[in-house]
Amino acid sequence: MNCEELIRYLSDYIDNNLDEDLRADAEEHLRTCHNCHVVLDTTRKTILMYKGSIKDPIPAPRRVALFDRLLKAVSERQDCPPEEE
């Protein structure tokens, strides 16, 4: 799994909605990629802060825009480990 794929599956990873193989791939990538580990940690903390402050869910268009921005930022990173074959 590469950084872009991890970001694509991040919400499902956090919600424990990935199948066993994808989850294992994500966890392996997180062990080797500091940047993605920071994104995961920051996303989890943001969710906790959000849940503590507002009772309404993030609107779908805003959530999609957020993940699109994350994907773009990760794809532009030069220090992201390449996908292993």
Protein backbone atom coordinates (compact mmCIF):
# COMPACT_ATOMS: atom_id res chain seq x y z
CA MET A 1 0.00 0.00 0.00
CA ASN A 2 1.24 3.49 -0.77
CA CYS A 3 0.41 6.83 0.84
CA GLU A 4 -2.35 7.72 -1.59
CA GLU A 5 -4.10 4.40 -1.04
CA LEU A 6 -3.83 4.74 2.72
CA ILE A 7 -5.49 8.16 2.62
CA ARG A 8 -8.23 6.74 0.40
CA TYR A 9 -8.93 4.03 3.00
CA LEU A 10 -8.25 6.17 6.07
CA SER A 11 -11.87 6.68 7.11
CA ASP A 12 -12.63 2.96 6.80
CA TYR A 13 -9.42 2.15 8.67
CA ILE A 14 -10.36 4.43 11.55
CA ASP A 15 -13.89 3.00 11.61
CA ASN A 16 -12.58 -0.61 11.50
CA ASN A 17 -14.40 -1.23 8.22
CA LEU A 18 -11.53 -2.72 6.19
CA ASP A 19 -11.22 -6.38 5.37
CA GLU A 20 -8.40 -8.24 7.07
CA ASP A 21 -5.94 -8.02 4.14
CA LEU A 22 -6.42 -4.28 3.55
CA ARG A 23 -6.13 -3.56 7.26
CA ALA A 24 -2.86 -5.54 7.41
CA ASP A 25 -1.53 -3.62 4.39
CA ALA A 26 -2.51 -0.31 5.99
CA GLU A 27 -0.86 -1.23 9.29
CA GLU A 28 2.34 -2.28 7.51
CA HIS A 29 2.42 1.03 5.63
CA LEU A 30 1.80 2.96 8.84
CA ARG A 31 4.77 1.20 10.47
CA THR A 32 7.09 2.41 7.71
CA CYS A 33 5.67 5.83 6.80
CA HIS A 34 5.99 8.57 9.39
CA ASN A 35 3.96 11.03 7.32
CA CYS A 36 0.94 8.75 7.07
CA HIS A 37 1.19 7.91 10.75
CA VAL A 38 1.04 11.66 11.50
CA VAL A 39 -2.00 12.03 9.19
CA LEU A 40 -3.74 9.15 10.97
CA ASP A 41 -2.97 10.53 14.41
CA THR A 42 -4.04 14.05 13.45
CA THR A 43 -7.24 12.79 11.85
CA ARG A 44 -8.14 10.77 14.94
CA LYS A 45 -7.50 13.75 17.20
CA THR A 46 -9.52 16.01 14.92
CA ILE A 47 -12.43 13.57 15.03
CA LEU A 48 -12.29 13.44 18.83
CA MET A 49 -12.19 17.23 19.09
CA TYR A 50 -15.03 17.56 16.63
CA LYS A 51 -17.17 15.00 18.42
CA GLY A 52 -16.58 16.82 21.68
CA SER A 53 -17.60 20.21 20.35
CA ILE A 54 -20.39 19.67 17.81
CA LYS A 55 -23.18 17.14 17.76
CA ASP A 56 -23.94 17.34 14.02
CA PRO A 57 -21.97 15.12 11.58
CA ILE A 58 -19.64 16.59 8.97
CA PRO A 59 -21.68 17.14 5.79
CA ALA A 60 -20.77 14.68 3.03
CA PRO A 61 -19.52 17.35 0.57
CA ARG A 62 -17.19 18.81 3.22
CA ARG A 63 -15.92 15.33 4.16
CA VAL A 64 -15.25 14.49 0.50
CA ALA A 65 -13.44 17.81 0.00
CA LEU A 66 -11.30 17.14 3.08
CA PHE A 67 -10.22 13.71 1.87
CA ASP A 68 -9.58 15.07 -1.64
CA ARG A 69 -7.25 17.66 -0.12
CA LEU A 70 -5.49 14.98 1.91
CA LEU A 71 -5.02 12.80 -1.19
CA LYS A 72 -3.63 15.75 -3.15
CA ALA A 73 -1.23 16.68 -0.35
CA VAL A 74 0.02 13.11 -0.03
CA SER A 75 0.42 12.65 -3.79
CA GLU A 76 2.54 15.81 -3.95
CA ARG A 77 4.92 14.62 -1.21
CA GLN A 78 8.35 13.62 -2.44
CA ASP A 79 9.37 11.73 0.70
CA CYS A 80 6.54 9.19 0.64
CA PRO A 81 7.79 5.60 0.31
CA PRO A 82 7.01 4.05 -3.08
CA GLU A 83 4.41 1.33 -3.37
CA GLU A 84 5.89 -2.14 -3.01
CA GLU A 85 4.96 -4.77 -5.55
